[in-house]
Amino acid sequence: MFEIPAVHAAMLVGAVGAVVPMWRAHGTDCRVRIAHGAMAVSMVAMMIPGVPAGIHLLEGAVLIALAVFVTGETMHRRTAVPCAVDLTAMGVLLLLAPTSAPAPAPAASAPVPSHHHGGAGISTGWLPLVVLVCWALLTLHLFRSTPRRERRSGVRTAAAGSALMILGMAPMAV
């Protein structure tokens, strides 16, 4: 999807962020572990050169479907809800990602478009950045709204993983 080394490094950080909550998976359901594994695979797939651009539309749809799957987890809501937020935000960003290779540079007299087209063929403009900021704010809210005595139950680890995934998905919004 992207060929810049700094972008690859950010996406690698995001893939690590997707795996971080699995390190303390003893208090989570299998659904949450499956979802985090899918996010990690999605982040790694974005770094593979030559992958058809349309595959990211499929990845986005699968991640959103997994968000619905994870919300069915009732025993571990403190880790399932942040996971569903991560899945939804990452899925939406993938759906909004450009699907075609960059167009050749326009002629000097041609107007330069101020937006890009998302994966679904819609004009996205600032929407990916808005999704990224809302994702960060919602992650912070979920962490801060958890009582201090309950933060040891994987909530801190989930928040750290979310922060790393947000950093990894930042190139998608820029």
C-alpha atoms as a PDB file:
ATOM      1  CA  MET A   1       0.000   0.000   0.000  1.00  0.00           C
ATOM      2  CA  PHE A   2       2.790   2.438   0.932  1.00  0.00           C
ATOM      3  CA  GLU A   3       6.439   2.256  -0.135  1.00  0.00           C
ATOM      4  CA  ILE A   4       8.063   4.766   2.278  1.00  0.00           C
ATOM      5  CA  PRO A   5      10.336   3.248   4.982  1.00  0.00           C
ATOM      6  CA  ALA A   6       9.002   5.540   7.740  1.00  0.00           C
ATOM      7  CA  VAL A   7       5.465   4.463   6.898  1.00  0.00           C
ATOM      8  CA  HIS A   8       6.518   0.815   7.052  1.00  0.00           C
ATOM      9  CA  ALA A   9       8.066   1.452  10.465  1.00  0.00           C
ATOM     10  CA  ALA A  10       4.840   3.065  11.704  1.00  0.00           C
ATOM     11  CA  MET A  11       2.808   0.143  10.400  1.00  0.00           C
ATOM     12  CA  LEU A  12       5.181  -2.322  12.077  1.00  0.00           C
ATOM     13  CA  VAL A  13       4.615  -0.452  15.345  1.00  0.00           C
ATOM     14  CA  GLY A  14       0.880  -0.796  14.708  1.00  0.00           C
ATOM     15  CA  ALA A  15       1.228  -4.547  14.148  1.00  0.00           C
ATOM     16  CA  VAL A  16       3.108  -4.831  17.443  1.00  0.00           C
ATOM     17  CA  GLY A  17       0.337  -2.779  19.045  1.00  0.00           C
ATOM     18  CA  ALA A  18      -2.224  -5.257  17.780  1.00  0.00           C
ATOM     19  CA  VAL A  19      -0.321  -8.107  19.427  1.00  0.00           C
ATOM     20  CA  VAL A  20       0.405  -6.325  22.743  1.00  0.00           C
ATOM     21  CA  PRO A  21      -3.019  -7.057  24.301  1.00  0.00           C
ATOM     22  CA  MET A  22      -2.536 -10.743  23.507  1.00  0.00           C
ATOM     23  CA  TRP A  23       0.473 -10.885  25.855  1.00  0.00           C
ATOM     24  CA  ARG A  24      -1.894 -10.525  28.781  1.00  0.00           C
ATOM     25  CA  ALA A  25      -4.647 -12.570  27.182  1.00  0.00           C
ATOM     26  CA  HIS A  26      -5.251 -14.717  30.267  1.00  0.00           C
ATOM     27  CA  GLY A  27      -8.204 -12.485  31.166  1.00  0.00           C
ATOM     28  CA  THR A  28      -9.716 -12.201  27.728  1.00  0.00           C
ATOM     29  CA  ASP A  29     -11.989 -14.308  25.612  1.00  0.00           C
ATOM     30  CA  CYS A  30     -10.954 -16.179  22.504  1.00  0.00           C
ATOM     31  CA  ARG A  31     -12.944 -13.679  20.430  1.00  0.00           C
ATOM     32  CA  VAL A  32     -10.710 -10.823  21.535  1.00  0.00           C
ATOM     33  CA  ARG A  33      -7.574 -12.839  20.771  1.00  0.00           C
ATOM     34  CA  ILE A  34      -8.881 -13.699  17.294  1.00  0.00           C
ATOM     35  CA  ALA A  35      -9.658 -10.032  16.665  1.00  0.00           C
ATOM     36  CA  HIS A  36      -6.213  -8.855  17.745  1.00  0.00           C
ATOM     37  CA  GLY A  37      -4.615 -11.493  15.547  1.00  0.00           C
ATOM     38  CA  ALA A  38      -6.665 -10.266  12.589  1.00  0.00           C
ATOM     39  CA  MET A  39      -5.602  -6.661  13.240  1.00  0.00           C
ATOM     40  CA  ALA A  40      -1.942  -7.714  13.340  1.00  0.00           C
ATOM     41  CA  VAL A  41      -2.300  -9.646  10.070  1.00  0.00           C
ATOM     42  CA  SER A  42      -4.011  -6.636   8.495  1.00  0.00           C
ATOM     43  CA  MET A  43      -1.196  -4.302   9.549  1.00  0.00           C
ATOM     44  CA  VAL A  44       1.434  -6.689   8.165  1.00  0.00           C
ATOM     45  CA  ALA A  45      -0.530  -7.092   4.905  1.00  0.00           C
ATOM     46  CA  MET A  46      -0.360  -3.340   4.376  1.00  0.00           C
ATOM     47  CA  MET A  47       3.444  -3.546   4.339  1.00  0.00           C
ATOM     48  CA  ILE A  48       3.655  -6.264   1.665  1.00  0.00           C
ATOM     49  CA  PRO A  49       4.465  -4.755  -1.731  1.00  0.00           C
ATOM     50  CA  GLY A  50       2.435  -5.869  -4.715  1.00  0.00           C
ATOM     51  CA  VAL A  51      -0.718  -6.770  -2.794  1.00  0.00           C
ATOM     52  CA  PRO A  52      -3.780  -5.796  -4.846  1.00  0.00           C
ATOM     53  CA  ALA A  53      -5.150  -2.526  -3.483  1.00  0.00           C
ATOM     54  CA  GLY A  54      -8.685  -3.908  -3.358  1.00  0.00           C
ATOM     55  CA  ILE A  55      -7.662  -6.408  -0.688  1.00  0.00           C
ATOM     56  CA  HIS A  56      -7.751  -3.569   1.837  1.00  0.00           C
ATOM     57  CA  LEU A  57     -11.478  -3.165   1.200  1.00  0.00           C
ATOM     58  CA  LEU A  58     -11.925  -6.809   2.138  1.00  0.00           C
ATOM     59  CA  GLU A  59      -9.709  -6.360   5.214  1.00  0.00           C
ATOM     60  CA  GLY A  60     -11.769  -3.363   6.329  1.00  0.00           C
ATOM     61  CA  ALA A  61     -15.033  -5.249   5.957  1.00  0.00           C
ATOM     62  CA  VAL A  62     -13.647  -8.252   7.863  1.00  0.00           C
ATOM     63  CA  LEU A  63     -12.396  -6.038  10.709  1.00  0.00           C
ATOM     64  CA  ILE A  64     -15.783  -4.356  11.041  1.00  0.00           C
ATOM     65  CA  ALA A  65     -17.491  -7.768  11.047  1.00  0.00           C
ATOM     66  CA  LEU A  66     -15.063  -8.875  13.769  1.00  0.00           C
ATOM     67  CA  ALA A  67     -16.048  -5.806  15.796  1.00  0.00           C
ATOM     68  CA  VAL A  68     -19.610  -7.094  15.812  1.00  0.00           C
ATOM     69  CA  PHE A  69     -18.312 -10.565  16.718  1.00  0.00           C
ATOM     70  CA  VAL A  70     -16.277  -9.193  19.651  1.00  0.00           C
ATOM     71  CA  THR A  71     -19.220  -7.266  21.093  1.00  0.00           C
ATOM     72  CA  GLY A  72     -20.862 -10.621  21.765  1.00  0.00           C
ATOM     73  CA  GLU A  73     -18.264 -11.200  24.499  1.00  0.00           C
ATOM     74  CA  THR A  74     -20.076 -10.578  27.787  1.00  0.00           C
ATOM     75  CA  MET A  75     -17.631 -11.816  30.426  1.00  0.00           C
ATOM     76  CA  HIS A  76     -14.730  -9.464  29.681  1.00  0.00           C
ATOM     77  CA  ARG A  77     -16.299  -6.159  28.657  1.00  0.00           C
ATOM     78  CA  ARG A  78     -13.283  -4.129  29.840  1.00  0.00           C
ATOM     79  CA  THR A  79     -11.161  -5.640  27.069  1.00  0.00           C
ATOM     80  CA  ALA A  80     -13.860  -6.431  24.488  1.00  0.00           C
ATOM     81  CA  VAL A  81     -15.150  -2.863  24.130  1.00  0.00           C
ATOM     82  CA  PRO A  82     -11.737  -1.270  23.429  1.00  0.00           C
ATOM     83  CA  CYS A  83     -11.037  -4.108  20.990  1.00  0.00           C
ATOM     84  CA  ALA A  84     -14.308  -3.408  19.163  1.00  0.00           C
ATOM     85  CA  VAL A  85     -13.394   0.293  18.979  1.00  0.00           C
ATOM     86  CA  ASP A  86      -9.981  -0.583  17.510  1.00  0.00           C
ATOM     87  CA  LEU A  87     -11.517  -2.967  14.978  1.00  0.00           C
ATOM     88  CA  THR A  88     -14.142  -0.477  13.859  1.00  0.00           C
ATOM     89  CA  ALA A  89     -11.742   2.445  13.497  1.00  0.00           C
ATOM     90  CA  MET A  90      -9.135   0.388  11.658  1.00  0.00           C
ATOM     91  CA  GLY A  91     -11.809  -1.103   9.395  1.00  0.00           C
ATOM     92  CA  VAL A  92     -13.219   2.314   8.524  1.00  0.00           C
ATOM     93  CA  LEU A  93      -9.737   3.669   7.787  1.00  0.00           C
ATOM     94  CA  LEU A  94      -9.068   0.730   5.486  1.00  0.00           C
ATOM     95  CA  LEU A  95     -12.364   1.291   3.686  1.00  0.00           C
ATOM     96  CA  LEU A  96     -11.457   4.954   3.212  1.00  0.00           C
ATOM     97  CA  ALA A  97      -7.914   4.213   1.990  1.00  0.00           C
ATOM     98  CA  PRO A  98      -7.118   4.965  -1.642  1.00  0.00           C
ATOM     99  CA  THR A  99      -7.387   1.841  -3.776  1.00  0.00           C
ATOM    100  CA  SER A 100      -5.460   2.939  -6.827  1.00  0.00           C
ATOM    101  CA  ALA A 101      -1.822   3.747  -7.307  1.00  0.00           C
ATOM    102  CA  PRO A 102      -0.949   7.425  -7.153  1.00  0.00           C
ATOM    103  CA  ALA A 103      -1.799   9.253 -10.342  1.00  0.00           C
ATOM    104  CA  PRO A 104       1.010  10.786 -12.383  1.00  0.00           C
ATOM    105  CA  ALA A 105       1.865  14.377 -11.593  1.00  0.00           C
ATOM    106  CA  PRO A 106      -0.646  16.736 -13.221  1.00  0.00           C
ATOM    107  CA  ALA A 107       0.439  19.259 -15.834  1.00  0.00           C
ATOM    108  CA  ALA A 108       1.228  22.757 -14.591  1.00  0.00           C
ATOM    109  CA  SER A 109      -2.032  24.140 -16.001  1.00  0.00           C
ATOM    110  CA  ALA A 110      -4.238  21.376 -14.588  1.00  0.00           C
ATOM    111  CA  PRO A 111      -5.928  21.996 -11.214  1.00  0.00           C
ATOM    112  CA  VAL A 112      -4.616  19.906  -8.349  1.00  0.00           C
ATOM    113  CA  PRO A 113      -7.354  18.048  -6.462  1.00  0.00           C
ATOM    114  CA  SER A 114      -7.452  18.782  -2.728  1.00  0.00           C
ATOM    115  CA  HIS A 115      -8.850  15.407  -1.711  1.00  0.00           C
ATOM    116  CA  HIS A 116      -8.381  11.737  -2.380  1.00  0.00           C
ATOM    117  CA  HIS A 117     -10.882   9.064  -3.106  1.00  0.00           C
ATOM    118  CA  GLY A 118     -11.479   6.369  -0.567  1.00  0.00           C
ATOM    119  CA  GLY A 119     -11.581   2.668  -1.109  1.00  0.00           C
ATOM    120  CA  ALA A 120     -15.292   2.767  -1.756  1.00  0.00           C
ATOM    121  CA  GLY A 121     -14.790   5.433  -4.424  1.00  0.00           C
ATOM    122  CA  ILE A 122     -16.056   8.289  -2.265  1.00  0.00           C
ATOM    123  CA  SER A 123     -14.320  11.593  -1.712  1.00  0.00           C
ATOM    124  CA  THR A 124     -12.927  11.441   1.818  1.00  0.00           C
ATOM    125  CA  GLY A 125     -11.053  14.703   2.376  1.00  0.00           C
ATOM    126  CA  TRP A 126     -10.522  15.098   6.120  1.00  0.00           C
ATOM    127  CA  LEU A 127     -12.605  12.077   7.112  1.00  0.00           C
ATOM    128  CA  PRO A 128      -9.676   9.681   7.788  1.00  0.00           C
ATOM    129  CA  LEU A 129      -8.053  12.244  10.078  1.00  0.00           C
ATOM    130  CA  VAL A 130     -11.358  12.743  11.896  1.00  0.00           C
ATOM    131  CA  VAL A 131     -11.677   8.954  12.354  1.00  0.00           C
ATOM    132  CA  LEU A 132      -8.118   8.779  13.711  1.00  0.00           C
ATOM    133  CA  VAL A 133      -8.686  11.620  16.189  1.00  0.00           C
ATOM    134  CA  CYS A 134     -12.015  10.176  17.351  1.00  0.00           C
ATOM    135  CA  TRP A 135     -10.336   6.782  17.785  1.00  0.00           C
ATOM    136  CA  ALA A 136      -7.638   8.337  19.962  1.00  0.00           C
ATOM    137  CA  LEU A 137     -10.148  10.306  22.045  1.00  0.00           C
ATOM    138  CA  LEU A 138     -12.415   7.302  22.532  1.00  0.00           C
ATOM    139  CA  THR A 139      -9.453   5.144  23.576  1.00  0.00           C
ATOM    140  CA  LEU A 140      -8.410   7.770  26.101  1.00  0.00           C
ATOM    141  CA  HIS A 141     -11.976   8.032  27.400  1.00  0.00           C
ATOM    142  CA  LEU A 142     -12.294   4.263  27.815  1.00  0.00           C
ATOM    143  CA  PHE A 143      -9.030   4.141  29.728  1.00  0.00           C
ATOM    144  CA  ARG A 144      -9.822   7.127  31.957  1.00  0.00           C
ATOM    145  CA  SER A 145     -13.380   5.946  32.673  1.00  0.00           C
ATOM    146  CA  THR A 146     -12.123   2.644  34.070  1.00  0.00           C
ATOM    147  CA  PRO A 147     -11.730   2.782  37.864  1.00  0.00           C
ATOM    148  CA  ARG A 148      -8.069   2.650  38.948  1.00  0.00           C
ATOM    149  CA  ARG A 149      -8.489  -0.647  40.794  1.00  0.00           C
ATOM    150  CA  GLU A 150      -9.736  -2.318  37.583  1.00  0.00           C
ATOM    151  CA  ARG A 151      -7.007  -0.984  35.290  1.00  0.00           C
ATOM    152  CA  ARG A 152      -4.713  -3.893  36.127  1.00  0.00           C
ATOM    153  CA  SER A 153      -7.055  -6.360  34.404  1.00  0.00           C
ATOM    154  CA  GLY A 154      -5.617  -5.795  30.948  1.00  0.00           C
ATOM    155  CA  VAL A 155      -7.111  -2.342  30.449  1.00  0.00           C
ATOM    156  CA  ARG A 156      -3.684  -0.677  30.586  1.00  0.00           C
ATOM    157  CA  THR A 157      -2.294  -3.169  28.104  1.00  0.00           C
ATOM    158  CA  ALA A 158      -5.277  -2.700  25.780  1.00  0.00           C
ATOM    159  CA  ALA A 159      -4.852   1.088  25.906  1.00  0.00           C
ATOM    160  CA  ALA A 160      -1.134   0.802  25.113  1.00  0.00           C
ATOM    161  CA  GLY A 161      -1.911  -1.512  22.196  1.00  0.00           C
ATOM    162  CA  SER A 162      -4.562   0.895  20.923  1.00  0.00           C
ATOM    163  CA  ALA A 163      -2.112   3.805  21.090  1.00  0.00           C
ATOM    164  CA  LEU A 164       0.440   1.849  19.047  1.00  0.00           C
ATOM    165  CA  MET A 165      -2.216   0.861  16.484  1.00  0.00           C
ATOM    166  CA  ILE A 166      -3.317   4.498  16.181  1.00  0.00           C
ATOM    167  CA  LEU A 167       0.300   5.445  15.485  1.00  0.00           C
ATOM    168  CA  GLY A 168       0.517   2.640  12.931  1.00  0.00           C
ATOM    169  CA  MET A 169      -2.631   3.754  11.133  1.00  0.00           C
ATOM    170  CA  ALA A 170      -1.644   7.443  11.089  1.00  0.00           C
ATOM    171  CA  PRO A 171      -0.167   7.162   7.560  1.00  0.00           C
ATOM    172  CA  MET A 172      -3.620   6.118   6.330  1.00  0.00           C
ATOM    173  CA  ALA A 173      -5.083   9.415   7.524  1.00  0.00           C
ATOM    174  CA  VAL A 174      -2.404  11.671   6.066  1.00  0.00           C
END
